PDB file of N, CA and C in Angstrom:
ATOM      1  N   UNK A   1      -3.026 -18.519  22.799  1.00  0.00           N
ATOM      2  CA  UNK A   1      -1.698 -18.243  23.294  1.00  0.00           C
ATOM      3  C   UNK A   1      -1.118 -17.052  22.532  1.00  0.00           C
ATOM      4  N   UNK A   2      -0.360 -16.237  23.235  1.00  0.00           N
ATOM      5  CA  UNK A   2       0.190 -15.033  22.626  1.00  0.00           C
ATOM      6  C   UNK A   2       1.706 -15.092  22.557  1.00  0.00           C
ATOM      7  N   UNK A   3       2.241 -14.239  21.712  1.00  0.00           N
ATOM      8  CA  UNK A   3       3.676 -14.105  21.570  1.00  0.00           C
ATOM      9  C   UNK A   3       4.160 -12.917  22.396  1.00  0.00           C
ATOM     10  N   UNK A   4       5.387 -13.024  22.906  1.00  0.00           N
ATOM     11  CA  UNK A   4       6.001 -11.882  23.572  1.00  0.00           C
ATOM     12  C   UNK A   4       6.367 -10.847  22.502  1.00  0.00           C
ATOM     13  N   UNK A   5       6.760  -9.665  22.925  1.00  0.00           N
ATOM     14  CA  UNK A   5       7.123  -8.606  21.966  1.00  0.00           C
ATOM     15  C   UNK A   5       8.299  -9.053  21.092  1.00  0.00           C
ATOM     16  N   UNK A   6       9.305  -9.688  21.678  1.00  0.00           N
ATOM     17  CA  UNK A   6      10.457 -10.131  20.874  1.00  0.00           C
ATOM     18  C   UNK A   6      10.072 -11.272  19.939  1.00  0.00           C
ATOM     19  N   UNK A   7       9.167 -12.136  20.384  1.00  0.00           N
ATOM     20  CA  UNK A   7       8.671 -13.210  19.514  1.00  0.00           C
ATOM     21  C   UNK A   7       7.854 -12.619  18.368  1.00  0.00           C
ATOM     22  N   UNK A   8       7.037 -11.611  18.668  1.00  0.00           N
ATOM     23  CA  UNK A   8       6.254 -10.947  17.615  1.00  0.00           C
ATOM     24  C   UNK A   8       7.176 -10.306  16.583  1.00  0.00           C
ATOM     25  N   UNK A   9       8.246  -9.695  17.046  1.00  0.00           N
ATOM     26  CA  UNK A   9       9.195  -9.069  16.133  1.00  0.00           C
ATOM     27  C   UNK A   9       9.815 -10.119  15.206  1.00  0.00           C
ATOM     28  N   UNK A  10      10.214 -11.251  15.769  1.00  0.00           N
ATOM     29  CA  UNK A  10      10.773 -12.336  14.959  1.00  0.00           C
ATOM     30  C   UNK A  10       9.717 -12.887  14.008  1.00  0.00           C
ATOM     31  N   UNK A  11       8.496 -13.004  14.485  1.00  0.00           N
ATOM     32  CA  UNK A  11       7.410 -13.516  13.648  1.00  0.00           C
ATOM     33  C   UNK A  11       7.156 -12.587  12.466  1.00  0.00           C
ATOM     34  N   UNK A  12       7.268 -11.276  12.687  1.00  0.00           N
ATOM     35  CA  UNK A  12       7.110 -10.315  11.585  1.00  0.00           C
ATOM     36  C   UNK A  12       8.125 -10.603  10.479  1.00  0.00           C
ATOM     37  N   UNK A  13       9.363 -10.882  10.870  1.00  0.00           N
ATOM     38  CA  UNK A  13      10.394 -11.208   9.881  1.00  0.00           C
ATOM     39  C   UNK A  13      10.043 -12.505   9.154  1.00  0.00           C
ATOM     40  N   UNK A  14       9.582 -13.490   9.900  1.00  0.00           N
ATOM     41  CA  UNK A  14       9.253 -14.783   9.306  1.00  0.00           C
ATOM     42  C   UNK A  14       8.056 -14.669   8.369  1.00  0.00           C
ATOM     43  N   UNK A  15       7.053 -13.899   8.747  1.00  0.00           N
ATOM     44  CA  UNK A  15       5.909 -13.687   7.851  1.00  0.00           C
ATOM     45  C   UNK A  15       6.365 -13.030   6.554  1.00  0.00           C
ATOM     46  N   UNK A  16       7.259 -12.076   6.663  1.00  0.00           N
ATOM     47  CA  UNK A  16       7.738 -11.364   5.474  1.00  0.00           C
ATOM     48  C   UNK A  16       8.552 -12.297   4.574  1.00  0.00           C
ATOM     49  N   UNK A  17       9.408 -13.114   5.175  1.00  0.00           N
ATOM     50  CA  UNK A  17      10.264 -14.004   4.402  1.00  0.00           C
ATOM     51  C   UNK A  17       9.542 -15.273   3.934  1.00  0.00           C
ATOM     52  N   UNK A  18       8.500 -15.669   4.644  1.00  0.00           N
ATOM     53  CA  UNK A  18       7.703 -16.885   4.411  1.00  0.00           C
ATOM     54  C   UNK A  18       8.439 -18.156   4.831  1.00  0.00           C
ATOM     55  N   UNK A  19       9.600 -18.428   4.266  1.00  0.00           N
ATOM     56  CA  UNK A  19      10.451 -19.546   4.674  1.00  0.00           C
ATOM     57  C   UNK A  19      11.842 -18.982   4.897  1.00  0.00           C
ATOM     58  N   UNK A  20      12.497 -19.375   5.988  1.00  0.00           N
ATOM     59  CA  UNK A  20      13.787 -18.765   6.272  1.00  0.00           C
ATOM     60  C   UNK A  20      14.685 -19.678   7.084  1.00  0.00           C
ATOM     61  N   UNK A  21      15.944 -19.695   6.695  1.00  0.00           N
ATOM     62  CA  UNK A  21      16.970 -20.332   7.496  1.00  0.00           C
ATOM     63  C   UNK A  21      17.436 -19.325   8.541  1.00  0.00           C
ATOM     64  N   UNK A  22      18.168 -19.790   9.531  1.00  0.00           N
ATOM     65  CA  UNK A  22      18.647 -18.914  10.608  1.00  0.00           C
ATOM     66  C   UNK A  22      19.373 -17.696  10.026  1.00  0.00           C
ATOM     67  N   UNK A  23      20.234 -17.897   9.048  1.00  0.00           N
ATOM     68  CA  UNK A  23      20.986 -16.790   8.442  1.00  0.00           C
ATOM     69  C   UNK A  23      20.037 -15.757   7.832  1.00  0.00           C
ATOM     70  N   UNK A  24      18.993 -16.218   7.173  1.00  0.00           N
ATOM     71  CA  UNK A  24      18.016 -15.303   6.570  1.00  0.00           C
ATOM     72  C   UNK A  24      17.334 -14.456   7.646  1.00  0.00           C
ATOM     73  N   UNK A  25      16.974 -15.103   8.742  1.00  0.00           N
ATOM     74  CA  UNK A  25      16.310 -14.383   9.828  1.00  0.00           C
ATOM     75  C   UNK A  25      17.244 -13.338  10.432  1.00  0.00           C
ATOM     76  N   UNK A  26      18.479 -13.732  10.692  1.00  0.00           N
ATOM     77  CA  UNK A  26      19.439 -12.785  11.257  1.00  0.00           C
ATOM     78  C   UNK A  26      19.688 -11.618  10.310  1.00  0.00           C
ATOM     79  N   UNK A  27      19.793 -11.907   9.015  1.00  0.00           N
ATOM     80  CA  UNK A  27      20.015 -10.853   8.016  1.00  0.00           C
ATOM     81  C   UNK A  27      18.843  -9.887   7.916  1.00  0.00           C
ATOM     82  N   UNK A  28      17.648 -10.336   8.264  1.00  0.00           N
ATOM     83  CA  UNK A  28      16.467  -9.485   8.142  1.00  0.00           C
ATOM     84  C   UNK A  28      16.389  -8.421   9.239  1.00  0.00           C
ATOM     85  N   UNK A  29      17.156  -8.596  10.319  1.00  0.00           N
ATOM     86  CA  UNK A  29      17.188  -7.621  11.406  1.00  0.00           C
ATOM     87  C   UNK A  29      18.110  -6.462  11.041  1.00  0.00           C
ATOM     88  N   UNK A  30      17.754  -5.270  11.499  1.00  0.00           N
ATOM     89  CA  UNK A  30      18.664  -4.136  11.366  1.00  0.00           C
ATOM     90  C   UNK A  30      19.675  -4.207  12.515  1.00  0.00           C
ATOM     91  N   UNK A  31      20.702  -3.395  12.412  1.00  0.00           N
ATOM     92  CA  UNK A  31      21.726  -3.349  13.457  1.00  0.00           C
ATOM     93  C   UNK A  31      21.162  -2.669  14.698  1.00  0.00           C
ATOM     94  N   UNK A  32      21.512  -3.065  15.878  1.00  0.00           N
ATOM     95  CA  UNK A  32      22.338  -4.227  16.204  1.00  0.00           C
ATOM     96  C   UNK A  32      21.519  -5.515  16.106  1.00  0.00           C
ATOM     97  N   UNK A  33      22.057  -6.488  15.430  1.00  0.00           N
ATOM     98  CA  UNK A  33      21.366  -7.764  15.228  1.00  0.00           C
ATOM     99  C   UNK A  33      21.396  -8.578  16.519  1.00  0.00           C
ATOM    100  N   UNK A  34      20.339  -9.350  16.766  1.00  0.00           N
ATOM    101  CA  UNK A  34      20.351 -10.207  17.952  1.00  0.00           C
ATOM    102  C   UNK A  34      21.347 -11.347  17.768  1.00  0.00           C
ATOM    103  N   UNK A  35      21.756 -11.935  18.863  1.00  0.00           N
ATOM    104  CA  UNK A  35      22.663 -13.077  18.813  1.00  0.00           C
ATOM    105  C   UNK A  35      21.928 -14.284  18.231  1.00  0.00           C
ATOM    106  N   UNK A  36      22.665 -15.138  17.568  1.00  0.00           N
ATOM    107  CA  UNK A  36      22.092 -16.368  16.999  1.00  0.00           C
ATOM    108  C   UNK A  36      21.397 -17.177  18.084  1.00  0.00           C
ATOM    109  N   UNK A  37      22.012 -17.248  19.266  1.00  0.00           N
ATOM    110  CA  UNK A  37      21.420 -18.031  20.361  1.00  0.00           C
ATOM    111  C   UNK A  37      20.095 -17.435  20.814  1.00  0.00           C
ATOM    112  N   UNK A  38      19.980 -16.108  20.757  1.00  0.00           N
ATOM    113  CA  UNK A  38      18.722 -15.448  21.132  1.00  0.00           C
ATOM    114  C   UNK A  38      17.617 -15.830  20.162  1.00  0.00           C
ATOM    115  N   UNK A  39      17.911 -15.759  18.865  1.00  0.00           N
ATOM    116  CA  UNK A  39      16.923 -16.107  17.846  1.00  0.00           C
ATOM    117  C   UNK A  39      16.565 -17.587  17.956  1.00  0.00           C
ATOM    118  N   UNK A  40      17.568 -18.447  18.205  1.00  0.00           N
ATOM    119  CA  UNK A  40      17.315 -19.885  18.357  1.00  0.00           C
ATOM    120  C   UNK A  40      16.393 -20.151  19.542  1.00  0.00           C
ATOM    121  N   UNK A  41      16.615 -19.453  20.637  1.00  0.00           N
ATOM    122  CA  UNK A  41      15.759 -19.611  21.820  1.00  0.00           C
ATOM    123  C   UNK A  41      14.335 -19.160  21.525  1.00  0.00           C
ATOM    124  N   UNK A  42      14.198 -18.011  20.852  1.00  0.00           N
ATOM    125  CA  UNK A  42      12.867 -17.512  20.493  1.00  0.00           C
ATOM    126  C   UNK A  42      12.149 -18.515  19.585  1.00  0.00           C
ATOM    127  N   UNK A  43      12.866 -19.038  18.596  1.00  0.00           N
ATOM    128  CA  UNK A  43      12.260 -20.019  17.684  1.00  0.00           C
ATOM    129  C   UNK A  43      11.805 -21.260  18.436  1.00  0.00           C
ATOM    130  N   UNK A  44      12.612 -21.725  19.363  1.00  0.00           N
ATOM    131  CA  UNK A  44      12.255 -22.917  20.147  1.00  0.00           C
ATOM    132  C   UNK A  44      10.963 -22.670  20.932  1.00  0.00           C
ATOM    133  N   UNK A  45      10.858 -21.489  21.541  1.00  0.00           N
ATOM    134  CA  UNK A  45       9.637 -21.160  22.291  1.00  0.00           C
ATOM    135  C   UNK A  45       8.433 -21.065  21.364  1.00  0.00           C
ATOM    136  N   UNK A  46       8.639 -20.455  20.183  1.00  0.00           N
ATOM    137  CA  UNK A  46       7.548 -20.278  19.229  1.00  0.00           C
ATOM    138  C   UNK A  46       7.109 -21.618  18.637  1.00  0.00           C
ATOM    139  N   UNK A  47       8.024 -22.536  18.468  1.00  0.00           N
ATOM    140  CA  UNK A  47       7.679 -23.891  18.025  1.00  0.00           C
ATOM    141  C   UNK A  47       6.833 -24.560  19.098  1.00  0.00           C
ATOM    142  N   UNK A  48       7.245 -24.413  20.349  1.00  0.00           N
ATOM    143  CA  UNK A  48       6.498 -24.984  21.469  1.00  0.00           C
ATOM    144  C   UNK A  48       5.097 -24.421  21.608  1.00  0.00           C
ATOM    145  N   UNK A  49       4.924 -23.164  21.234  1.00  0.00           N
ATOM    146  CA  UNK A  49       3.617 -22.519  21.296  1.00  0.00           C
ATOM    147  C   UNK A  49       2.763 -22.833  20.070  1.00  0.00           C
ATOM    148  N   UNK A  50       3.349 -23.479  19.062  1.00  0.00           N
ATOM    149  CA  UNK A  50       2.590 -23.841  17.871  1.00  0.00           C
ATOM    150  C   UNK A  50       2.505 -22.756  16.816  1.00  0.00           C
ATOM    151  N   UNK A  51       3.399 -21.775  16.863  1.00  0.00           N
ATOM    152  CA  UNK A  51       3.393 -20.691  15.885  1.00  0.00           C
ATOM    153  C   UNK A  51       4.337 -20.942  14.714  1.00  0.00           C
ATOM    154  N   UNK A  52       5.366 -21.748  14.943  1.00  0.00           N
ATOM    155  CA  UNK A  52       6.423 -21.959  13.957  1.00  0.00           C
ATOM    156  C   UNK A  52       6.728 -23.444  13.852  1.00  0.00           C
ATOM    157  N   UNK A  53       7.129 -23.854  12.646  1.00  0.00           N
ATOM    158  CA  UNK A  53       7.609 -25.219  12.414  1.00  0.00           C
ATOM    159  C   UNK A  53       8.821 -25.111  11.497  1.00  0.00           C
ATOM    160  N   UNK A  54       9.427 -26.237  11.194  1.00  0.00           N
ATOM    161  CA  UNK A  54      10.597 -26.205  10.323  1.00  0.00           C
ATOM    162  C   UNK A  54      10.727 -27.506   9.545  1.00  0.00           C
ATOM    163  N   UNK A  55      11.449 -27.403   8.438  1.00  0.00           N
ATOM    164  CA  UNK A  55      11.860 -28.561   7.658  1.00  0.00           C
ATOM    165  C   UNK A  55      13.372 -28.677   7.799  1.00  0.00           C
ATOM    166  N   UNK A  56      13.869 -29.891   7.893  1.00  0.00           N
ATOM    167  CA  UNK A  56      15.302 -30.106   8.039  1.00  0.00           C
ATOM    168  C   UNK A  56      15.924 -30.429   6.695  1.00  0.00           C
ATOM    169  N   UNK A  57      17.016 -29.736   6.395  1.00  0.00           N
ATOM    170  CA  UNK A  57      17.806 -29.973   5.189  1.00  0.00           C
ATOM    171  C   UNK A  57      19.243 -30.181   5.635  1.00  0.00           C
ATOM    172  N   UNK A  58      19.664 -31.430   5.735  1.00  0.00           N
ATOM    173  CA  UNK A  58      21.002 -31.721   6.266  1.00  0.00           C
ATOM    174  C   UNK A  58      21.067 -31.273   7.705  1.00  0.00           C
ATOM    175  N   UNK A  59      22.005 -30.374   8.000  1.00  0.00           N
ATOM    176  CA  UNK A  59      22.143 -29.843   9.362  1.00  0.00           C
ATOM    177  C   UNK A  59      21.403 -28.525   9.554  1.00  0.00           C
ATOM    178  N   UNK A  60      20.692 -28.085   8.536  1.00  0.00           N
ATOM    179  CA  UNK A  60      20.015 -26.790   8.600  1.00  0.00           C
ATOM    180  C   UNK A  60      18.511 -26.958   8.742  1.00  0.00           C
ATOM    181  N   UNK A  61      17.916 -25.969   9.357  1.00  0.00           N
ATOM    182  CA  UNK A  61      16.459 -25.935   9.507  1.00  0.00           C
ATOM    183  C   UNK A  61      15.908 -24.732   8.757  1.00  0.00           C
ATOM    184  N   UNK A  62      14.865 -24.990   7.979  1.00  0.00           N
ATOM    185  CA  UNK A  62      14.158 -23.910   7.302  1.00  0.00           C
ATOM    186  C   UNK A  62      12.841 -23.699   8.048  1.00  0.00           C
ATOM    187  N   UNK A  63      12.699 -22.526   8.644  1.00  0.00           N
ATOM    188  CA  UNK A  63      11.552 -22.219   9.490  1.00  0.00           C
ATOM    189  C   UNK A  63      10.428 -21.591   8.670  1.00  0.00           C
ATOM    190  N   UNK A  64       9.205 -21.844   9.118  1.00  0.00           N
ATOM    191  CA  UNK A  64       8.039 -21.229   8.481  1.00  0.00           C
ATOM    192  C   UNK A  64       6.944 -21.061   9.531  1.00  0.00           C
ATOM    193  N   UNK A  65       6.081 -20.087   9.275  1.00  0.00           N
ATOM    194  CA  UNK A  65       4.994 -19.774  10.205  1.00  0.00           C
ATOM    195  C   UNK A  65       3.853 -20.769  10.035  1.00  0.00           C
ATOM    196  N   UNK A  66       3.291 -21.193  11.143  1.00  0.00           N
ATOM    197  CA  UNK A  66       2.090 -22.034  11.135  1.00  0.00           C
ATOM    198  C   UNK A  66       0.827 -21.192  11.255  1.00  0.00           C
ATOM    199  N   UNK A  67       0.984 -19.954  11.691  1.00  0.00           N
ATOM    200  CA  UNK A  67      -0.138 -19.043  11.896  1.00  0.00           C
ATOM    201  C   UNK A  67       0.012 -17.891  10.907  1.00  0.00           C
ATOM    202  N   UNK A  68      -1.064 -17.594  10.200  1.00  0.00           N
ATOM    203  CA  UNK A  68      -1.052 -16.482   9.254  1.00  0.00           C
ATOM    204  C   UNK A  68      -1.070 -15.160  10.014  1.00  0.00           C
ATOM    205  N   UNK A  69      -0.399 -14.174   9.431  1.00  0.00           N
ATOM    206  CA  UNK A  69      -0.321 -12.857  10.049  1.00  0.00           C
ATOM    207  C   UNK A  69      -1.716 -12.284  10.288  1.00  0.00           C
ATOM    208  N   UNK A  70      -2.584 -12.398   9.298  1.00  0.00           N
ATOM    209  CA  UNK A  70      -3.944 -11.857   9.418  1.00  0.00           C
ATOM    210  C   UNK A  70      -4.712 -12.535  10.553  1.00  0.00           C
ATOM    211  N   UNK A  71      -4.555 -13.847  10.692  1.00  0.00           N
ATOM    212  CA  UNK A  71      -5.251 -14.566  11.764  1.00  0.00           C
ATOM    213  C   UNK A  71      -4.749 -14.136  13.135  1.00  0.00           C
ATOM    214  N   UNK A  72      -3.431 -13.987  13.275  1.00  0.00           N
ATOM    215  CA  UNK A  72      -2.858 -13.559  14.553  1.00  0.00           C
ATOM    216  C   UNK A  72      -3.319 -12.146  14.890  1.00  0.00           C
ATOM    217  N   UNK A  73      -3.244 -11.268  13.911  1.00  0.00           N
ATOM    218  CA  UNK A  73      -3.641  -9.879  14.130  1.00  0.00           C
ATOM    219  C   UNK A  73      -5.121  -9.790  14.485  1.00  0.00           C
ATOM    220  N   UNK A  74      -5.958 -10.554  13.796  1.00  0.00           N
ATOM    221  CA  UNK A  74      -7.395 -10.550  14.060  1.00  0.00           C
ATOM    222  C   UNK A  74      -7.688 -10.980  15.498  1.00  0.00           C
ATOM    223  N   UNK A  75      -7.036 -12.034  15.936  1.00  0.00           N
ATOM    224  CA  UNK A  75      -7.243 -12.522  17.303  1.00  0.00           C
ATOM    225  C   UNK A  75      -6.758 -11.485  18.318  1.00  0.00           C
ATOM    226  N   UNK A  76      -5.646 -10.850  18.002  1.00  0.00           N
ATOM    227  CA  UNK A  76      -5.079  -9.824  18.882  1.00  0.00           C
ATOM    228  C   UNK A  76      -6.025  -8.633  19.006  1.00  0.00           C
ATOM    229  N   UNK A  77      -6.536  -8.149  17.876  1.00  0.00           N
ATOM    230  CA  UNK A  77      -7.454  -7.005  17.883  1.00  0.00           C
ATOM    231  C   UNK A  77      -8.749  -7.370  18.606  1.00  0.00           C
ATOM    232  N   UNK A  78      -9.279  -8.557  18.345  1.00  0.00           N
ATOM    233  CA  UNK A  78     -10.505  -8.979  19.028  1.00  0.00           C
ATOM    234  C   UNK A  78     -10.295  -9.063  20.536  1.00  0.00           C
ATOM    235  N   UNK A  79      -9.102  -9.472  20.951  1.00  0.00           N
ATOM    236  CA  UNK A  79      -8.773  -9.495  22.378  1.00  0.00           C
ATOM    237  C   UNK A  79      -8.741  -8.095  22.973  1.00  0.00           C
ATOM    238  N   UNK A  80      -8.171  -7.156  22.236  1.00  0.00           N
ATOM    239  CA  UNK A  80      -8.156  -5.761  22.687  1.00  0.00           C
ATOM    240  C   UNK A  80      -9.572  -5.211  22.810  1.00  0.00           C
ATOM    241  N   UNK A  81     -10.399  -5.498  21.822  1.00  0.00           N
ATOM    242  CA  UNK A  81     -11.788  -5.026  21.847  1.00  0.00           C
ATOM    243  C   UNK A  81     -12.510  -5.597  23.058  1.00  0.00           C
ATOM    244  N   UNK A  82     -12.317  -6.874  23.307  1.00  0.00           N
ATOM    245  CA  UNK A  82     -12.990  -7.519  24.445  1.00  0.00           C
ATOM    246  C   UNK A  82     -12.492  -6.948  25.772  1.00  0.00           C
ATOM    247  N   UNK A  83     -11.176  -6.775  25.892  1.00  0.00           N
ATOM    248  CA  UNK A  83     -10.583  -6.347  27.157  1.00  0.00           C
ATOM    249  C   UNK A  83     -10.782  -4.866  27.446  1.00  0.00           C
ATOM    250  N   UNK A  84     -10.570  -4.019  26.445  1.00  0.00           N
ATOM    251  CA  UNK A  84     -10.547  -2.581  26.691  1.00  0.00           C
ATOM    252  C   UNK A  84     -11.799  -1.835  26.250  1.00  0.00           C
ATOM    253  N   UNK A  85     -12.650  -2.478  25.448  1.00  0.00           N
ATOM    254  CA  UNK A  85     -13.811  -1.775  24.897  1.00  0.00           C
ATOM    255  C   UNK A  85     -15.112  -2.529  25.161  1.00  0.00           C
ATOM    256  N   UNK A  86     -15.158  -3.257  26.271  1.00  0.00           N
ATOM    257  CA  UNK A  86     -16.370  -3.969  26.696  1.00  0.00           C
ATOM    258  C   UNK A  86     -16.952  -4.840  25.594  1.00  0.00           C
ATOM    259  N   UNK A  87     -16.086  -5.431  24.809  1.00  0.00           N
ATOM    260  CA  UNK A  87     -16.487  -6.322  23.714  1.00  0.00           C
ATOM    261  C   UNK A  87     -17.365  -5.597  22.688  1.00  0.00           C
ATOM    262  N   UNK A  88     -17.104  -4.304  22.515  1.00  0.00           N
ATOM    263  CA  UNK A  88     -17.892  -3.482  21.593  1.00  0.00           C
ATOM    264  C   UNK A  88     -16.998  -2.959  20.465  1.00  0.00           C
ATOM    265  N   UNK A  89     -17.218  -3.470  19.273  1.00  0.00           N
ATOM    266  CA  UNK A  89     -16.449  -3.015  18.118  1.00  0.00           C
ATOM    267  C   UNK A  89     -16.742  -1.550  17.812  1.00  0.00           C
ATOM    268  N   UNK A  90     -17.961  -1.106  18.056  1.00  0.00           N
ATOM    269  CA  UNK A  90     -18.290   0.299  17.786  1.00  0.00           C
ATOM    270  C   UNK A  90     -17.555   1.231  18.751  1.00  0.00           C
ATOM    271  N   UNK A  91     -17.382   0.828  20.022  1.00  0.00           N
ATOM    272  CA  UNK A  91     -16.586   1.640  20.953  1.00  0.00           C
ATOM    273  C   UNK A  91     -15.141   1.708  20.489  1.00  0.00           C
ATOM    274  N   UNK A  92     -14.627   0.573  20.006  1.00  0.00           N
ATOM    275  CA  UNK A  92     -13.263   0.539  19.476  1.00  0.00           C
ATOM    276  C   UNK A  92     -13.143   1.461  18.262  1.00  0.00           C
ATOM    277  N   UNK A  93     -14.086   1.371  17.335  1.00  0.00           N
ATOM    278  CA  UNK A  93     -14.047   2.194  16.125  1.00  0.00           C
ATOM    279  C   UNK A  93     -14.120   3.679  16.473  1.00  0.00           C
ATOM    280  N   UNK A  94     -14.954   4.004  17.446  1.00  0.00           N
ATOM    281  CA  UNK A  94     -15.066   5.388  17.880  1.00  0.00           C
ATOM    282  C   UNK A  94     -13.739   5.883  18.451  1.00  0.00           C
ATOM    283  N   UNK A  95     -13.145   5.097  19.312  1.00  0.00           N
ATOM    284  CA  UNK A  95     -11.852   5.441  19.896  1.00  0.00           C
ATOM    285  C   UNK A  95     -10.791   5.577  18.800  1.00  0.00           C
ATOM    286  N   UNK A  96     -10.744   4.589  17.910  1.00  0.00           N
ATOM    287  CA  UNK A  96      -9.745   4.542  16.847  1.00  0.00           C
ATOM    288  C   UNK A  96      -9.830   5.772  15.946  1.00  0.00           C
ATOM    289  N   UNK A  97     -11.040   6.161  15.573  1.00  0.00           N
ATOM    290  CA  UNK A  97     -11.192   7.292  14.657  1.00  0.00           C
ATOM    291  C   UNK A  97     -10.972   8.639  15.346  1.00  0.00           C
ATOM    292  N   UNK A  98     -11.231   8.721  16.654  1.00  0.00           N
ATOM    293  CA  UNK A  98     -11.055   9.985  17.355  1.00  0.00           C
ATOM    294  C   UNK A  98      -9.643  10.178  17.907  1.00  0.00           C
ATOM    295  N   UNK A  99      -8.997   9.103  18.334  1.00  0.00           N
ATOM    296  CA  UNK A  99      -7.742   9.225  19.075  1.00  0.00           C
ATOM    297  C   UNK A  99      -6.491   8.910  18.250  1.00  0.00           C
ATOM    298  N   UNK A 100      -6.650   8.653  16.977  1.00  0.00           N
ATOM    299  CA  UNK A 100      -5.485   8.458  16.115  1.00  0.00           C
ATOM    300  C   UNK A 100      -5.391   9.637  15.155  1.00  0.00           C
ATOM    301  N   UNK A 101      -4.236   9.798  14.572  1.00  0.00           N
ATOM    302  CA  UNK A 101      -4.014  10.942  13.682  1.00  0.00           C
ATOM    303  C   UNK A 101      -4.356  10.588  12.238  1.00  0.00           C
ATOM    304  N   UNK A 102      -5.583  10.140  12.024  1.00  0.00           N
ATOM    305  CA  UNK A 102      -6.009   9.797  10.670  1.00  0.00           C
ATOM    306  C   UNK A 102      -6.305  11.072   9.886  1.00  0.00           C
ATOM    307  N   UNK A 103      -5.905  11.067   8.623  1.00  0.00           N
ATOM    308  CA  UNK A 103      -6.213  12.202   7.757  1.00  0.00           C
ATOM    309  C   UNK A 103      -7.663  12.093   7.293  1.00  0.00           C
ATOM    310  N   UNK A 104      -8.150  13.164   6.714  1.00  0.00           N
ATOM    311  CA  UNK A 104      -9.507  13.151   6.158  1.00  0.00           C
ATOM    312  C   UNK A 104      -9.627  12.072   5.093  1.00  0.00           C
ATOM    313  N   UNK A 105      -8.590  11.910   4.279  1.00  0.00           N
ATOM    314  CA  UNK A 105      -8.591  10.894   3.221  1.00  0.00           C
ATOM    315  C   UNK A 105      -8.654   9.480   3.806  1.00  0.00           C
ATOM    316  N   UNK A 106      -7.914   9.266   4.878  1.00  0.00           N
ATOM    317  CA  UNK A 106      -7.937   7.942   5.525  1.00  0.00           C
ATOM    318  C   UNK A 106      -9.304   7.651   6.136  1.00  0.00           C
ATOM    319  N   UNK A 107      -9.914   8.667   6.754  1.00  0.00           N
ATOM    320  CA  UNK A 107     -11.255   8.496   7.310  1.00  0.00           C
ATOM    321  C   UNK A 107     -12.272   8.206   6.209  1.00  0.00           C
ATOM    322  N   UNK A 108     -12.144   8.896   5.075  1.00  0.00           N
ATOM    323  CA  UNK A 108     -13.047   8.645   3.957  1.00  0.00           C
ATOM    324  C   UNK A 108     -12.854   7.235   3.399  1.00  0.00           C
ATOM    325  N   UNK A 109     -11.606   6.768   3.359  1.00  0.00           N
ATOM    326  CA  UNK A 109     -11.338   5.401   2.904  1.00  0.00           C
ATOM    327  C   UNK A 109     -11.962   4.387   3.856  1.00  0.00           C
ATOM    328  N   UNK A 110     -11.864   4.652   5.163  1.00  0.00           N
ATOM    329  CA  UNK A 110     -12.505   3.768   6.151  1.00  0.00           C
ATOM    330  C   UNK A 110     -14.019   3.772   5.983  1.00  0.00           C
ATOM    331  N   UNK A 111     -14.578   4.941   5.723  1.00  0.00           N
ATOM    332  CA  UNK A 111     -16.024   5.037   5.505  1.00  0.00           C
ATOM    333  C   UNK A 111     -16.453   4.187   4.314  1.00  0.00           C
ATOM    334  N   UNK A 112     -15.681   4.222   3.234  1.00  0.00           N
ATOM    335  CA  UNK A 112     -15.990   3.403   2.063  1.00  0.00           C
ATOM    336  C   UNK A 112     -15.941   1.916   2.405  1.00  0.00           C
ATOM    337  N   UNK A 113     -14.946   1.524   3.180  1.00  0.00           N
ATOM    338  CA  UNK A 113     -14.834   0.111   3.587  1.00  0.00           C
ATOM    339  C   UNK A 113     -16.063  -0.296   4.393  1.00  0.00           C
ATOM    340  N   UNK A 114     -16.458   0.554   5.328  1.00  0.00           N
ATOM    341  CA  UNK A 114     -17.636   0.255   6.165  1.00  0.00           C
ATOM    342  C   UNK A 114     -18.898   0.218   5.311  1.00  0.00           C
ATOM    343  N   UNK A 115     -19.047   1.188   4.414  1.00  0.00           N
ATOM    344  CA  UNK A 115     -20.220   1.194   3.527  1.00  0.00           C
ATOM    345  C   UNK A 115     -20.299  -0.069   2.671  1.00  0.00           C
ATOM    346  N   UNK A 116     -19.159  -0.528   2.166  1.00  0.00           N
ATOM    347  CA  UNK A 116     -19.142  -1.764   1.381  1.00  0.00           C
ATOM    348  C   UNK A 116     -19.504  -2.976   2.224  1.00  0.00           C
ATOM    349  N   UNK A 117     -19.030  -3.007   3.458  1.00  0.00           N
ATOM    350  CA  UNK A 117     -19.383  -4.121   4.350  1.00  0.00           C
ATOM    351  C   UNK A 117     -20.877  -4.117   4.677  1.00  0.00           C
ATOM    352  N   UNK A 118     -21.456  -2.936   4.845  1.00  0.00           N
ATOM    353  CA  UNK A 118     -22.903  -2.834   5.102  1.00  0.00           C
ATOM    354  C   UNK A 118     -23.671  -3.357   3.909  1.00  0.00           C
ATOM    355  N   UNK A 119     -23.242  -3.008   2.711  1.00  0.00           N
ATOM    356  CA  UNK A 119     -23.909  -3.496   1.487  1.00  0.00           C
ATOM    357  C   UNK A 119     -23.852  -5.022   1.397  1.00  0.00           C
ATOM    358  N   UNK A 120     -22.747  -5.599   1.833  1.00  0.00           N
ATOM    359  CA  UNK A 120     -22.554  -7.051   1.719  1.00  0.00           C
ATOM    360  C   UNK A 120     -23.242  -7.864   2.808  1.00  0.00           C
ATOM    361  N   UNK A 121     -23.815  -7.186   3.799  1.00  0.00           N
ATOM    362  CA  UNK A 121     -24.478  -7.907   4.901  1.00  0.00           C
ATOM    363  C   UNK A 121     -25.928  -8.196   4.578  1.00  0.00           C
TER     364      UNK A 121
END
């Protein structure tokens, strides 16, 4: 199951904060801030999808992510590779390195990462 763009944006705030009350989440947004009811609706949907849970403290709820950012991102990227690159990571890597504005230093850093992964296989 995937998150909508607005749910992903809220999830980014929650991942950064780790645990957050409604006020914390609202404060984490830049201006113009979303309405409390909007954030509450998004949280309710995300709870239903299994991405978020909460602990109750009196009348307040402290929200936290059930899905790690890295796990969500990994699944998202793998979905993109499957859908747009014929399930070929090498086609994705080729596209990524040619069609993004990576500097020579960034490309060299990626090469080192790949070389280290090859050594570890």
